[in-house]
Amino acid sequence: QAGLKFLKEVKTAHYKATVDGEIIEVEAVICYILNAGSIGGVMGMEIPKIGDVSISDGYLDLYAITKGVQPLRAVSKYIFHHEGSDAGVYHWRGKEITFEADPVQDVWIDGELGGKTPFTVNTLPQALEIVVPA
């Protein structure tokens, strides 16, 4: 319910991102960058699975949700792949993303406040070796 209240009362911000050299500008309710396929607990929203995001593909996925027509419906249609699912949800993919916002926005990293915009994030593909018992 907190997520629903948030979407009703939220104001948009002007976001400017540079994704692998391509400049993108969008007026949005929220933008987020994923390396794994889910987000949870950010600003009262719990979203179980987002698109085809892969933790091992070497790319970051940038999503923007516009205030447009019913953003909650747009998100649910996008997540569950219903017809018209792209309404209000925009997606870009890259290895380096620089991000600015007007007004300045909080940056959340894995559910924790991690600073404010602007910021830059990039991938280090295959940087972590995981060893498991045989």
Protein backbone atom coordinates (compact mmCIF):
# COMPACT_ATOMS: atom_id res chain seq x y z
CA GLN A 1 0.00 0.00 0.00
CA ALA A 2 2.90 2.33 0.64
CA GLY A 3 3.98 1.85 -2.98
CA LEU A 4 0.52 2.82 -4.23
CA LYS A 5 0.53 5.97 -2.08
CA PHE A 6 4.02 6.82 -3.31
CA LEU A 7 2.95 6.59 -6.98
CA LYS A 8 -0.06 8.86 -6.38
CA GLU A 9 1.91 11.60 -4.63
CA VAL A 10 5.22 11.46 -6.47
CA LYS A 11 6.58 14.26 -8.60
CA THR A 12 8.63 13.77 -11.71
CA ALA A 13 12.26 14.72 -12.19
CA HIS A 14 14.22 15.45 -15.33
CA TYR A 15 16.77 12.67 -15.77
CA LYS A 16 19.76 12.82 -18.10
CA ALA A 17 21.74 9.64 -18.60
CA THR A 18 24.70 8.82 -20.76
CA VAL A 19 24.60 5.13 -21.62
CA ASP A 20 27.78 3.95 -23.38
CA GLY A 21 28.12 7.43 -24.92
CA GLU A 22 24.46 7.84 -25.93
CA ILE A 23 22.69 10.75 -24.18
CA ILE A 24 19.15 10.04 -23.01
CA GLU A 25 16.79 12.54 -21.39
CA VAL A 26 13.46 11.63 -19.83
CA GLU A 27 10.91 13.14 -17.45
CA ALA A 28 10.16 10.29 -15.03
CA VAL A 29 8.72 9.31 -11.67
CA ILE A 30 11.67 7.04 -10.95
CA CYS A 31 14.70 5.65 -12.72
CA TYR A 32 16.69 2.66 -11.63
CA ILE A 33 19.67 0.65 -12.80
CA LEU A 34 19.73 -3.11 -12.36
CA ASN A 35 22.39 -5.75 -12.65
CA ALA A 36 20.14 -8.49 -11.30
CA GLY A 37 16.53 -9.07 -12.32
CA SER A 38 14.68 -7.78 -9.27
CA ILE A 39 14.33 -4.79 -6.97
CA GLY A 40 12.74 -4.62 -3.59
CA GLY A 41 12.18 -2.26 -0.75
CA VAL A 42 13.09 0.97 -2.53
CA MET A 43 10.61 3.74 -1.69
CA GLY A 44 7.95 1.22 -0.67
CA MET A 45 8.00 -0.70 -3.94
CA GLU A 46 8.49 -4.46 -4.20
CA ILE A 47 8.90 -5.68 -7.78
CA PRO A 48 9.78 -9.37 -8.12
CA LYS A 49 11.19 -9.64 -11.66
CA ILE A 50 12.12 -7.12 -14.33
CA GLY A 51 12.38 -8.08 -17.99
CA ASP A 52 15.33 -10.16 -19.14
CA VAL A 53 17.98 -8.61 -16.86
CA SER A 54 20.92 -10.96 -16.33
CA ILE A 55 23.55 -10.72 -13.62
CA SER A 56 26.11 -12.41 -15.88
CA ASP A 57 25.67 -10.64 -19.25
CA GLY A 58 28.11 -7.79 -18.52
CA TYR A 59 25.43 -5.12 -18.97
CA LEU A 60 23.52 -2.80 -16.67
CA ASP A 61 19.84 -2.17 -17.37
CA LEU A 62 18.43 1.35 -16.94
CA TYR A 63 14.67 1.68 -16.52
CA ALA A 64 12.60 4.88 -16.38
CA ILE A 65 8.95 4.97 -15.31
CA THR A 66 7.05 8.04 -16.46
CA LYS A 67 4.18 9.62 -14.59
CA GLY A 68 2.01 9.33 -17.71
CA VAL A 69 -1.10 7.20 -17.61
CA GLN A 70 -1.19 5.08 -14.45
CA PRO A 71 2.47 4.18 -13.82
CA LEU A 72 1.57 1.23 -11.57
CA ARG A 73 -0.42 -0.36 -14.39
CA ALA A 74 2.45 0.29 -16.81
CA VAL A 75 4.92 -1.44 -14.48
CA SER A 76 2.70 -4.47 -13.91
CA LYS A 77 2.01 -4.83 -17.63
CA TYR A 78 5.75 -4.63 -18.33
CA ILE A 79 6.67 -7.16 -15.65
CA PHE A 80 4.01 -9.66 -16.61
CA HIS A 81 4.42 -9.12 -20.38
CA HIS A 82 0.82 -8.11 -21.04
CA GLU A 83 -0.20 -6.40 -24.27
CA GLY A 84 0.79 -2.74 -24.32
CA SER A 85 3.44 -3.41 -21.71
CA ASP A 86 5.80 -0.65 -22.83
CA ALA A 87 3.43 2.21 -21.94
CA GLY A 88 5.24 4.36 -19.42
CA VAL A 89 8.28 2.07 -18.95
CA TYR A 90 11.47 2.77 -20.89
CA HIS A 91 14.59 0.58 -20.99
CA TRP A 92 18.21 1.02 -22.06
CA ARG A 93 21.18 -1.31 -21.66
CA GLY A 94 24.87 -0.44 -21.37
CA LYS A 95 28.21 -1.12 -19.71
CA GLU A 96 28.69 2.41 -18.31
CA ILE A 97 25.93 4.75 -17.21
CA THR A 98 26.35 8.33 -15.99
CA PHE A 99 23.23 9.70 -14.40
CA GLU A 100 22.05 13.24 -13.48
CA ALA A 101 18.70 14.52 -12.21
CA ASP A 102 16.98 17.87 -11.76
CA PRO A 103 16.10 18.25 -8.98
CA VAL A 104 18.92 16.22 -7.41
CA GLN A 105 17.72 12.73 -6.41
CA ASP A 106 18.80 10.22 -3.77
CA VAL A 107 20.78 7.24 -5.05
CA TRP A 108 19.87 3.89 -3.49
CA ILE A 109 22.38 1.05 -3.69
CA ASP A 110 21.03 -2.40 -2.86
CA GLY A 111 18.29 -0.91 -0.69
CA GLU A 112 20.57 1.53 1.16
CA LEU A 113 20.95 5.27 0.63
CA GLY A 114 24.24 5.66 -1.24
CA GLY A 115 24.46 9.36 -2.06
CA LYS A 116 22.86 11.73 -4.53
CA THR A 117 22.90 12.34 -8.25
CA PRO A 118 25.01 12.78 -10.33
CA PHE A 119 26.82 9.45 -10.31
CA THR A 120 28.48 6.98 -12.65
CA VAL A 121 28.27 3.20 -12.55
CA ASN A 122 29.96 0.62 -14.75
CA THR A 123 30.29 -3.13 -15.00
CA LEU A 124 33.24 -5.35 -14.32
CA PRO A 125 32.17 -8.51 -16.18
CA GLN A 126 33.23 -11.79 -14.60
CA ALA A 127 35.01 -9.85 -11.81
CA LEU A 128 33.82 -12.15 -9.03
CA GLU A 129 34.78 -15.79 -8.88
CA ILE A 130 32.43 -17.90 -6.80
CA VAL A 131 33.70 -21.20 -5.42
CA VAL A 132 31.24 -23.75 -4.07
CA PRO A 133 31.90 -27.08 -2.40
CA ALA A 134 31.82 -30.10 -4.70
